Amino acid sequence: MVSSRIARAGKRLAKVKHLLDNVTVTISTRKPVKTGAVTGVGDPVAIVTDYPARVIKGSLASKTQAEFLPDEYDAVLVIDTGITIPTGCTIDATGPDGSVTHYKRATRGYAGYVSHQEVAMVLSAKG
């Protein structure tokens, strides 16, 4: 009884989650391509394009805070549970002002929630 109420509440939350989204993301991966006996990587293949999501940047520890932000930081992508995001893919997040930030997928997503999954990302040196 209680779990069905929680599931219904999670589904309602998923419907209004877009109000909290602060970016659109394009998630790409490279499929393996076999040429003879050699397996390489092919061209990027889009998993989703311009999909609404939320990026949450982790806070900096007091010992790492300096006058300027570091060139590397961790972030979490909050996105719908219906999207499978493989390890090693690239995630390009476009903010409301049109700026694009490039990330790499760091871990397997945590999809223990009814309404969303959380994916750890690392800022990419690309771009």
Protein backbone atom coordinates (compact mmCIF):
# COMPACT_ATOMS: atom_id res chain seq x y z
CA MET A 1 0.00 0.00 0.00
CA VAL A 2 2.67 2.48 1.02
CA SER A 3 4.99 1.48 -1.84
CA SER A 4 2.22 2.03 -4.40
CA ARG A 5 1.65 5.54 -2.99
CA ILE A 6 5.35 6.26 -3.26
CA ALA A 7 5.40 4.98 -6.83
CA ARG A 8 2.45 7.20 -7.77
CA ALA A 9 4.11 10.21 -6.11
CA GLY A 10 7.33 9.47 -8.00
CA LYS A 11 5.46 9.39 -11.29
CA ARG A 12 3.82 12.74 -10.51
CA LEU A 13 7.23 14.16 -9.62
CA ALA A 14 8.68 12.91 -12.91
CA LYS A 15 5.96 14.84 -14.78
CA VAL A 16 6.95 18.17 -13.19
CA LYS A 17 10.72 17.52 -13.01
CA HIS A 18 11.23 19.55 -16.18
CA LEU A 19 10.49 22.69 -14.15
CA LEU A 20 13.75 22.10 -12.25
CA ASP A 21 15.89 21.32 -15.31
CA ASN A 22 18.68 23.83 -15.94
CA VAL A 23 20.34 22.42 -19.10
CA THR A 24 19.70 20.42 -22.23
CA VAL A 25 22.13 17.59 -22.85
CA THR A 26 23.43 15.74 -25.87
CA ILE A 27 24.81 12.36 -24.88
CA SER A 28 27.04 10.51 -27.35
CA THR A 29 28.99 7.28 -27.35
CA ARG A 30 31.32 5.54 -29.77
CA LYS A 31 30.34 2.07 -30.92
CA PRO A 32 33.13 -0.46 -31.53
CA VAL A 33 33.89 -1.05 -35.21
CA LYS A 34 35.64 -4.25 -36.31
CA THR A 35 37.93 -4.00 -39.35
CA GLY A 36 39.44 -7.41 -40.01
CA ALA A 37 41.08 -8.56 -36.78
CA VAL A 38 41.31 -5.03 -35.37
CA THR A 39 38.52 -3.49 -33.29
CA GLY A 40 38.52 0.29 -33.11
CA VAL A 41 36.04 3.02 -32.29
CA GLY A 42 33.69 4.50 -34.82
CA ASP A 43 32.06 7.87 -35.19
CA PRO A 44 30.02 9.27 -32.30
CA VAL A 45 26.45 7.99 -32.06
CA ALA A 46 23.91 10.18 -30.25
CA ILE A 47 21.91 8.53 -27.48
CA VAL A 48 19.80 11.67 -26.87
CA THR A 49 19.97 15.16 -28.34
CA ASP A 50 18.85 18.38 -26.63
CA TYR A 51 17.23 16.43 -23.78
CA PRO A 52 16.19 18.41 -20.65
CA ALA A 53 18.17 17.54 -17.51
CA ARG A 54 19.77 19.09 -14.44
CA VAL A 55 23.47 19.38 -13.66
CA ILE A 56 24.51 19.73 -10.04
CA LYS A 57 28.12 20.71 -9.43
CA GLY A 58 29.68 19.28 -6.29
CA SER A 59 31.04 21.71 -3.76
CA LEU A 60 34.76 22.30 -3.43
CA ALA A 61 36.52 21.20 -0.28
CA SER A 62 37.95 24.09 1.74
CA LYS A 63 41.53 22.92 1.10
CA THR A 64 40.98 23.01 -2.68
CA GLN A 65 39.34 26.43 -2.78
CA ALA A 66 41.54 29.07 -4.30
CA GLU A 67 41.18 32.42 -5.98
CA PHE A 68 40.06 30.69 -9.19
CA LEU A 69 38.00 27.55 -9.78
CA PRO A 70 40.03 24.48 -10.75
CA ASP A 71 39.97 23.16 -14.31
CA GLU A 72 38.57 19.87 -13.03
CA TYR A 73 35.50 19.25 -10.92
CA ASP A 74 32.88 16.60 -10.47
CA ALA A 75 29.22 17.06 -11.26
CA VAL A 76 26.04 14.99 -11.15
CA LEU A 77 23.58 14.70 -14.03
CA VAL A 78 19.95 14.24 -12.97
CA ILE A 79 17.99 12.75 -15.87
CA ASP A 80 15.01 10.45 -16.55
CA THR A 81 15.35 6.75 -15.73
CA GLY A 82 14.38 5.59 -19.21
CA ILE A 83 17.71 6.60 -20.75
CA THR A 84 20.64 4.17 -20.67
CA ILE A 85 23.91 6.09 -20.35
CA PRO A 86 27.01 3.91 -20.94
CA THR A 87 30.31 4.40 -19.14
CA GLY A 88 32.80 6.45 -21.15
CA CYS A 89 30.26 8.44 -23.13
CA THR A 90 30.47 12.20 -23.62
CA ILE A 91 27.84 14.58 -22.28
CA ASP A 92 27.53 18.10 -23.67
CA ALA A 93 25.37 20.30 -21.43
CA THR A 94 23.96 23.51 -22.89
CA GLY A 95 22.94 26.07 -20.27
CA PRO A 96 20.12 28.60 -20.53
CA ASP A 97 22.60 31.21 -21.80
CA GLY A 98 23.75 28.92 -24.65
CA SER A 99 27.14 28.06 -23.13
CA VAL A 100 28.22 24.43 -23.63
CA THR A 101 30.12 22.45 -21.00
CA HIS A 102 31.67 19.10 -21.95
CA TYR A 103 31.66 16.20 -19.49
CA LYS A 104 32.72 12.56 -19.48
CA ARG A 105 30.64 9.87 -17.82
CA ALA A 106 32.51 8.68 -14.75
CA THR A 107 30.29 6.01 -13.21
CA ARG A 108 27.29 3.83 -13.77
CA GLY A 109 24.10 5.79 -13.13
CA TYR A 110 22.20 5.32 -9.90
CA ALA A 111 18.60 4.64 -10.87
CA GLY A 112 17.22 3.78 -7.43
CA TYR A 113 14.62 6.52 -7.68
CA VAL A 114 11.26 6.28 -9.44
CA SER A 115 11.50 9.80 -10.87
CA HIS A 116 15.13 10.08 -12.03
CA GLN A 117 18.65 8.67 -12.13
CA GLU A 118 21.87 10.32 -11.01
CA VAL A 119 25.02 10.02 -13.14
CA ALA A 120 28.46 11.11 -11.89
CA MET A 121 30.42 13.14 -14.45
CA VAL A 122 33.87 14.69 -14.71
CA LEU A 123 34.59 17.93 -16.56
CA SER A 124 36.22 17.12 -19.90
CA ALA A 125 39.28 18.89 -21.30
CA LYS A 126 37.54 18.95 -24.70
CA GLY A 127 36.45 22.36 -25.95
